[in-house]
Each structure stands twice: as C-alpha cells, then as structure tokens.
Amino acid sequence: MASFSFELVSPEKLLFSGQVDAVIAPGTEGEFTVLKDHAPFMTTLKPGVIEIDAGSKKEKLFVRGGFADVAPNGFTILADYAIPLGELSAATIDADIATAEAALKDAIGNETHRLAQEKRDQLRELKAALHL
C-alpha cells in the first residue's frame, strides 16, 4: 500500500509523525478515511477514535475534537486533546461528559444548546462503544 505523511498534534505534544498507509478519523460530518493522494479538504473533528495504519504498526488514539487538514503534501490533525486509547479511562470520559453537561446547562441560544447537547451525546456514545 502507498504511504503518505501524517502528523497528529495536540497542545501538549506531537503524538505521531511519520509515513502511514491509512488514517481513519471522526469528522463532525462523519467518519472518514484518508489514503495516499486523497483529495485536499479541511474539516472539524468530533470526539472519537483516530486509527493509524502505518504498515506493521497500528495505533488508536482518542481525540476530543480539533481540525483535520488533508493537503497534497500529507495529512495533519490538530487535536484539542489526544490520548492513546490504552491510556483512556472511564474517569476521563466521565469528566468530559460532566463538562459537556455543564456547558449544556449554561448554553444560551438554540445553536449553542444544540452544539453542547451534540458533544455530550457523542461522548456518551463513545463511552458505550469503548465499553468503559
């Protein structure tokens, strides 16, 4: 399989940088897969799991959200927060859900309320999917 350059960056550190065969990411409009020579585009991410296929090395990381940029020279994800799936705990997701519920209570306006509710629901779905 043909490889391409991929970087996953959070405010704390560079989590991944290298050549990959494929990356699956949780876009706000739906999950998407990037392969070599993918058409350029930019999107936002929802809380979910990023799957990195670097040949014999496979990684899964949880992201709370962020931005994804597919360009001719590679793919970059700027995550709000990212952690390897193996280091993720139920307590981490529960804290994120509590924060989202507080934001939902404080939401002013229909759009703000909708976005807060959507984020909370996405985190609940993720927790259920990961069996945490």
N, C-alpha and C. Protein backbone atom coordinates (compact mmCIF):
# COMPACT_ATOMS: atom_id res chain seq x y z
N MET A 1 0.85 -1.18 0.00
CA MET A 1 0.00 0.00 0.00
C MET A 1 0.90 1.25 0.00
N ALA A 2 0.52 2.27 -0.73
CA ALA A 2 1.30 3.51 -0.83
C ALA A 2 1.15 4.32 0.45
N SER A 3 2.25 4.93 0.87
CA SER A 3 2.22 5.69 2.13
C SER A 3 2.25 7.20 1.87
N PHE A 4 1.91 7.94 2.92
CA PHE A 4 1.92 9.39 2.87
C PHE A 4 2.28 9.92 4.25
N SER A 5 2.58 11.19 4.34
CA SER A 5 2.99 11.82 5.59
C SER A 5 1.77 12.17 6.44
N PHE A 6 1.87 11.86 7.76
CA PHE A 6 0.78 12.16 8.69
C PHE A 6 1.35 12.67 10.00
N GLU A 7 0.71 13.70 10.54
CA GLU A 7 1.06 14.22 11.87
C GLU A 7 -0.20 14.42 12.69
N LEU A 8 -0.11 14.02 13.96
CA LEU A 8 -1.17 14.23 14.94
C LEU A 8 -0.57 15.05 16.07
N VAL A 9 -1.09 16.27 16.24
CA VAL A 9 -0.54 17.21 17.21
C VAL A 9 -1.63 17.64 18.18
N SER A 10 -1.29 17.67 19.47
CA SER A 10 -2.18 18.24 20.49
C SER A 10 -1.46 19.44 21.09
N PRO A 11 -2.14 20.25 21.89
CA PRO A 11 -1.45 21.39 22.51
C PRO A 11 -0.27 20.96 23.39
N GLU A 12 -0.33 19.74 23.93
CA GLU A 12 0.72 19.27 24.82
C GLU A 12 1.95 18.74 24.09
N LYS A 13 1.71 18.03 22.95
CA LYS A 13 2.85 17.40 22.28
C LYS A 13 2.49 16.87 20.90
N LEU A 14 3.53 16.47 20.20
CA LEU A 14 3.39 15.78 18.92
C LEU A 14 3.18 14.30 19.25
N LEU A 15 2.02 13.76 18.90
CA LEU A 15 1.71 12.37 19.25
C LEU A 15 2.12 11.37 18.17
N PHE A 16 2.13 11.83 16.92
CA PHE A 16 2.53 10.93 15.84
C PHE A 16 3.06 11.78 14.70
N SER A 17 4.15 11.31 14.10
CA SER A 17 4.68 11.94 12.90
C SER A 17 5.40 10.86 12.10
N GLY A 18 4.94 10.64 10.88
CA GLY A 18 5.60 9.62 10.07
C GLY A 18 4.79 9.25 8.86
N GLN A 19 5.27 8.23 8.18
CA GLN A 19 4.61 7.72 6.98
C GLN A 19 3.56 6.70 7.40
N VAL A 20 2.38 6.79 6.79
CA VAL A 20 1.27 5.88 7.10
C VAL A 20 0.65 5.39 5.80
N ASP A 21 -0.10 4.28 5.93
CA ASP A 21 -0.84 3.75 4.78
C ASP A 21 -2.27 4.27 4.75
N ALA A 22 -2.84 4.51 5.96
CA ALA A 22 -4.22 4.98 6.05
C ALA A 22 -4.46 5.56 7.43
N VAL A 23 -5.40 6.51 7.51
CA VAL A 23 -5.83 7.09 8.79
C VAL A 23 -7.35 7.22 8.73
N ILE A 24 -8.01 6.74 9.78
CA ILE A 24 -9.45 6.89 9.91
C ILE A 24 -9.69 7.91 11.01
N ALA A 25 -10.52 8.91 10.74
CA ALA A 25 -10.74 9.99 11.70
C ALA A 25 -12.23 10.28 11.87
N PRO A 26 -12.62 10.77 13.07
CA PRO A 26 -14.02 11.07 13.36
C PRO A 26 -14.42 12.50 12.98
N GLY A 27 -14.75 12.73 11.74
CA GLY A 27 -15.16 14.06 11.31
C GLY A 27 -16.54 14.41 11.85
N THR A 28 -16.81 15.70 12.01
CA THR A 28 -18.12 16.11 12.52
C THR A 28 -19.24 15.74 11.55
N GLU A 29 -18.91 15.59 10.28
CA GLU A 29 -19.91 15.20 9.28
C GLU A 29 -19.91 13.70 9.05
N GLY A 30 -19.07 12.98 9.77
CA GLY A 30 -18.99 11.53 9.64
C GLY A 30 -17.54 11.06 9.61
N GLU A 31 -17.36 9.79 9.92
CA GLU A 31 -16.03 9.20 9.92
C GLU A 31 -15.49 9.19 8.49
N PHE A 32 -14.19 9.43 8.34
CA PHE A 32 -13.59 9.41 7.00
C PHE A 32 -12.22 8.73 7.05
N THR A 33 -11.84 8.17 5.92
CA THR A 33 -10.54 7.50 5.78
C THR A 33 -9.71 8.27 4.77
N VAL A 34 -8.44 8.50 5.12
CA VAL A 34 -7.51 9.17 4.21
C VAL A 34 -6.47 8.16 3.76
N LEU A 35 -6.30 8.08 2.44
CA LEU A 35 -5.28 7.26 1.81
C LEU A 35 -4.38 8.17 0.98
N LYS A 36 -3.28 7.63 0.46
CA LYS A 36 -2.37 8.42 -0.37
C LYS A 36 -3.14 9.06 -1.52
N ASP A 37 -2.81 10.30 -1.83
CA ASP A 37 -3.40 11.07 -2.93
C ASP A 37 -4.88 11.40 -2.72
N HIS A 38 -5.30 11.45 -1.46
CA HIS A 38 -6.69 11.85 -1.15
C HIS A 38 -6.89 13.29 -1.61
N ALA A 39 -8.07 13.62 -2.02
CA ALA A 39 -8.39 14.99 -2.42
C ALA A 39 -8.22 15.93 -1.22
N PRO A 40 -7.65 17.10 -1.42
CA PRO A 40 -7.47 18.05 -0.31
C PRO A 40 -8.82 18.50 0.27
N PHE A 41 -8.87 18.60 1.59
CA PHE A 41 -10.03 19.17 2.26
C PHE A 41 -9.67 19.46 3.70
N MET A 42 -10.53 20.23 4.35
CA MET A 42 -10.35 20.58 5.75
C MET A 42 -11.68 20.36 6.44
N THR A 43 -11.63 19.86 7.68
CA THR A 43 -12.87 19.63 8.42
C THR A 43 -12.59 19.71 9.92
N THR A 44 -13.64 19.76 10.68
CA THR A 44 -13.52 19.70 12.14
C THR A 44 -13.74 18.26 12.57
N LEU A 45 -13.24 17.95 13.76
CA LEU A 45 -13.37 16.61 14.32
C LEU A 45 -14.31 16.63 15.51
N LYS A 46 -15.01 15.53 15.71
CA LYS A 46 -15.83 15.34 16.90
C LYS A 46 -15.06 14.40 17.84
N PRO A 47 -15.48 14.30 19.09
CA PRO A 47 -14.82 13.33 19.98
C PRO A 47 -14.94 11.93 19.38
N GLY A 48 -13.83 11.21 19.38
CA GLY A 48 -13.84 9.87 18.82
C GLY A 48 -12.45 9.28 18.75
N VAL A 49 -12.33 8.23 17.97
CA VAL A 49 -11.08 7.47 17.87
C VAL A 49 -10.45 7.67 16.50
N ILE A 50 -9.15 7.96 16.51
CA ILE A 50 -8.36 8.03 15.29
C ILE A 50 -7.60 6.71 15.18
N GLU A 51 -7.70 6.08 14.01
CA GLU A 51 -6.99 4.83 13.77
C GLU A 51 -5.88 5.09 12.75
N ILE A 52 -4.67 4.76 13.14
CA ILE A 52 -3.50 4.99 12.28
C ILE A 52 -2.96 3.63 11.84
N ASP A 53 -2.84 3.45 10.52
CA ASP A 53 -2.29 2.23 9.95
C ASP A 53 -0.95 2.59 9.30
N ALA A 54 0.13 2.24 9.98
CA ALA A 54 1.46 2.50 9.46
C ALA A 54 2.15 1.18 9.13
N GLY A 55 1.50 0.37 8.32
CA GLY A 55 2.05 -0.94 7.95
C GLY A 55 1.93 -1.92 9.10
N SER A 56 3.06 -2.33 9.65
CA SER A 56 3.04 -3.29 10.76
C SER A 56 2.66 -2.63 12.08
N LYS A 57 2.70 -1.30 12.11
CA LYS A 57 2.38 -0.55 13.33
C LYS A 57 0.98 0.05 13.21
N LYS A 58 0.12 -0.31 14.14
CA LYS A 58 -1.24 0.22 14.16
C LYS A 58 -1.46 0.90 15.51
N GLU A 59 -2.07 2.09 15.48
CA GLU A 59 -2.33 2.84 16.71
C GLU A 59 -3.75 3.36 16.71
N LYS A 60 -4.31 3.47 17.91
CA LYS A 60 -5.62 4.09 18.09
C LYS A 60 -5.49 5.12 19.20
N LEU A 61 -6.02 6.32 18.93
CA LEU A 61 -5.97 7.41 19.90
C LEU A 61 -7.34 8.05 20.02
N PHE A 62 -7.68 8.48 21.22
CA PHE A 62 -8.92 9.21 21.45
C PHE A 62 -8.64 10.70 21.28
N VAL A 63 -9.52 11.41 20.57
CA VAL A 63 -9.44 12.86 20.46
C VAL A 63 -10.76 13.46 20.91
N ARG A 64 -10.68 14.64 21.55
CA ARG A 64 -11.91 15.33 21.97
C ARG A 64 -12.49 16.17 20.86
N GLY A 65 -11.73 16.44 19.86
CA GLY A 65 -12.14 17.29 18.75
C GLY A 65 -10.90 17.94 18.17
N GLY A 66 -11.10 18.82 17.22
CA GLY A 66 -9.97 19.51 16.60
C GLY A 66 -10.24 19.76 15.13
N PHE A 67 -9.14 19.85 14.38
CA PHE A 67 -9.21 20.13 12.95
C PHE A 67 -8.37 19.12 12.19
N ALA A 68 -8.83 18.77 11.00
CA ALA A 68 -8.11 17.87 10.11
C ALA A 68 -7.87 18.58 8.78
N ASP A 69 -6.64 18.48 8.29
CA ASP A 69 -6.28 19.13 7.03
C ASP A 69 -5.58 18.12 6.14
N VAL A 70 -6.24 17.77 5.04
CA VAL A 70 -5.65 16.89 4.04
C VAL A 70 -5.14 17.80 2.93
N ALA A 71 -3.84 17.73 2.67
CA ALA A 71 -3.20 18.57 1.67
C ALA A 71 -2.38 17.69 0.73
N PRO A 72 -1.94 18.23 -0.40
CA PRO A 72 -1.14 17.42 -1.33
C PRO A 72 0.14 16.85 -0.69
N ASN A 73 0.67 17.54 0.32
CA ASN A 73 1.91 17.07 0.95
C ASN A 73 1.68 16.18 2.18
N GLY A 74 0.41 15.87 2.51
CA GLY A 74 0.15 14.98 3.63
C GLY A 74 -1.11 15.35 4.39
N PHE A 75 -1.25 14.75 5.57
CA PHE A 75 -2.45 14.88 6.39
C PHE A 75 -2.01 15.30 7.79
N THR A 76 -2.66 16.35 8.31
CA THR A 76 -2.35 16.84 9.65
C THR A 76 -3.63 16.94 10.46
N ILE A 77 -3.57 16.47 11.70
CA ILE A 77 -4.67 16.64 12.64
C ILE A 77 -4.16 17.49 13.79
N LEU A 78 -4.86 18.58 14.07
CA LEU A 78 -4.60 19.42 15.23
C LEU A 78 -5.72 19.12 16.22
N ALA A 79 -5.41 18.31 17.22
CA ALA A 79 -6.42 17.85 18.17
C ALA A 79 -6.51 18.78 19.37
N ASP A 80 -7.74 18.99 19.86
CA ASP A 80 -7.93 19.76 21.09
C ASP A 80 -7.25 19.04 22.25
N TYR A 81 -7.38 17.73 22.24
CA TYR A 81 -6.81 16.85 23.26
C TYR A 81 -6.72 15.47 22.65
N ALA A 82 -5.63 14.76 22.89
CA ALA A 82 -5.48 13.41 22.35
C ALA A 82 -4.73 12.54 23.35
N ILE A 83 -5.13 11.26 23.39
CA ILE A 83 -4.51 10.30 24.30
C ILE A 83 -4.59 8.92 23.65
N PRO A 84 -3.52 8.12 23.76
CA PRO A 84 -3.60 6.75 23.24
C PRO A 84 -4.77 6.01 23.90
N LEU A 85 -5.48 5.23 23.12
CA LEU A 85 -6.67 4.54 23.60
C LEU A 85 -6.37 3.67 24.83
N GLY A 86 -5.20 3.07 24.87
CA GLY A 86 -4.83 2.24 26.01
C GLY A 86 -4.71 3.00 27.32
N GLU A 87 -4.50 4.31 27.23
CA GLU A 87 -4.37 5.15 28.43
C GLU A 87 -5.69 5.81 28.82
N LEU A 88 -6.72 5.61 28.02
CA LEU A 88 -8.02 6.23 28.28
C LEU A 88 -8.76 5.46 29.36
N SER A 89 -9.39 6.19 30.27
CA SER A 89 -10.13 5.54 31.35
C SER A 89 -11.58 6.03 31.35
N ALA A 90 -12.41 5.28 32.05
CA ALA A 90 -13.81 5.69 32.21
C ALA A 90 -13.87 7.03 32.92
N ALA A 91 -12.96 7.28 33.87
CA ALA A 91 -12.95 8.55 34.61
C ALA A 91 -12.70 9.73 33.66
N THR A 92 -11.81 9.55 32.68
CA THR A 92 -11.52 10.62 31.72
C THR A 92 -12.77 10.96 30.91
N ILE A 93 -13.43 9.93 30.40
CA ILE A 93 -14.65 10.16 29.60
C ILE A 93 -15.75 10.74 30.48
N ASP A 94 -15.89 10.23 31.71
CA ASP A 94 -16.92 10.75 32.62
C ASP A 94 -16.69 12.23 32.91
N ALA A 95 -15.44 12.64 33.07
CA ALA A 95 -15.12 14.05 33.31
C ALA A 95 -15.50 14.89 32.09
N ASP A 96 -15.23 14.37 30.89
CA ASP A 96 -15.61 15.08 29.66
C ASP A 96 -17.12 15.20 29.55
N ILE A 97 -17.84 14.14 29.91
CA ILE A 97 -19.30 14.17 29.87
C ILE A 97 -19.83 15.19 30.86
N ALA A 98 -19.26 15.23 32.07
CA ALA A 98 -19.68 16.21 33.08
C ALA A 98 -19.45 17.63 32.59
N THR A 99 -18.32 17.87 31.95
CA THR A 99 -18.03 19.20 31.40
C THR A 99 -19.04 19.55 30.31
N ALA A 100 -19.35 18.58 29.46
CA ALA A 100 -20.33 18.83 28.39
C ALA A 100 -21.71 19.09 28.96
N GLU A 101 -22.08 18.38 30.03
CA GLU A 101 -23.39 18.61 30.65
C GLU A 101 -23.45 19.99 31.30
N ALA A 102 -22.34 20.45 31.89
CA ALA A 102 -22.31 21.80 32.46
C ALA A 102 -22.45 22.84 31.36
N ALA A 103 -21.79 22.61 30.23
CA ALA A 103 -21.90 23.54 29.10
C ALA A 103 -23.33 23.56 28.57
N LEU A 104 -23.98 22.41 28.60
CA LEU A 104 -25.37 22.31 28.14
C LEU A 104 -26.29 23.14 29.05
N LYS A 105 -26.07 23.06 30.36
CA LYS A 105 -26.88 23.84 31.31
C LYS A 105 -26.69 25.34 31.10
N ASP A 106 -25.44 25.74 30.77
CA ASP A 106 -25.11 27.15 30.62
C ASP A 106 -25.37 27.69 29.22
N ALA A 107 -25.78 26.84 28.30
CA ALA A 107 -25.95 27.24 26.91
C ALA A 107 -27.04 28.30 26.77
N ILE A 108 -26.71 29.32 25.99
CA ILE A 108 -27.66 30.39 25.70
C ILE A 108 -27.88 30.38 24.19
N GLY A 109 -29.11 30.26 23.78
CA GLY A 109 -29.44 30.24 22.36
C GLY A 109 -29.55 28.83 21.84
N ASN A 110 -30.34 28.68 20.81
CA ASN A 110 -30.62 27.36 20.24
C ASN A 110 -29.38 26.67 19.69
N GLU A 111 -28.55 27.41 18.95
CA GLU A 111 -27.37 26.80 18.33
C GLU A 111 -26.36 26.36 19.38
N THR A 112 -26.11 27.19 20.37
CA THR A 112 -25.17 26.84 21.45
C THR A 112 -25.68 25.62 22.20
N HIS A 113 -26.98 25.59 22.46
CA HIS A 113 -27.59 24.45 23.15
C HIS A 113 -27.45 23.17 22.31
N ARG A 114 -27.72 23.28 21.01
CA ARG A 114 -27.62 22.12 20.12
C ARG A 114 -26.21 21.57 20.08
N LEU A 115 -25.21 22.45 19.97
CA LEU A 115 -23.82 22.02 19.91
C LEU A 115 -23.37 21.35 21.21
N ALA A 116 -23.77 21.92 22.34
CA ALA A 116 -23.41 21.34 23.64
C ALA A 116 -24.05 19.97 23.81
N GLN A 117 -25.31 19.86 23.41
CA GLN A 117 -26.02 18.58 23.52
C GLN A 117 -25.39 17.53 22.59
N GLU A 118 -25.00 17.95 21.40
CA GLU A 118 -24.37 17.05 20.44
C GLU A 118 -23.06 16.51 20.98
N LYS A 119 -22.25 17.39 21.57
CA LYS A 119 -20.96 16.97 22.13
C LYS A 119 -21.17 15.97 23.27
N ARG A 120 -22.11 16.27 24.16
CA ARG A 120 -22.40 15.36 25.27
C ARG A 120 -22.84 14.00 24.75
N ASP A 121 -23.73 14.00 23.77
CA ASP A 121 -24.23 12.75 23.22
C ASP A 121 -23.12 11.95 22.52
N GLN A 122 -22.22 12.64 21.83
CA GLN A 122 -21.10 11.97 21.17
C GLN A 122 -20.20 11.29 22.20
N LEU A 123 -19.95 11.97 23.31
CA LEU A 123 -19.11 11.39 24.36
C LEU A 123 -19.79 10.19 25.00
N ARG A 124 -21.08 10.25 25.20
CA ARG A 124 -21.81 9.10 25.76
C ARG A 124 -21.74 7.90 24.80
N GLU A 125 -21.91 8.19 23.50
CA GLU A 125 -21.83 7.12 22.50
C GLU A 125 -20.44 6.50 22.49
N LEU A 126 -19.42 7.34 22.58
CA LEU A 126 -18.05 6.85 22.58
C LEU A 126 -17.79 5.97 23.79
N LYS A 127 -18.25 6.40 24.96
CA LYS A 127 -18.07 5.61 26.18
C LYS A 127 -18.74 4.24 26.02
N ALA A 128 -19.94 4.23 25.48
CA ALA A 128 -20.65 2.96 25.28
C ALA A 128 -19.92 2.08 24.26
N ALA A 129 -19.43 2.68 23.18
CA ALA A 129 -18.74 1.92 22.14
C ALA A 129 -17.43 1.30 22.64
N LEU A 130 -16.76 2.02 23.54
CA LEU A 130 -15.48 1.53 24.10
C LEU A 130 -15.68 0.63 25.30
N HIS A 131 -16.93 0.46 25.73
CA HIS A 131 -17.26 -0.38 26.89
C HIS A 131 -16.52 0.08 28.14
N LEU A 132 -16.50 1.40 28.37
CA LEU A 132 -15.83 1.95 29.56
C LEU A 132 -16.83 2.21 30.66
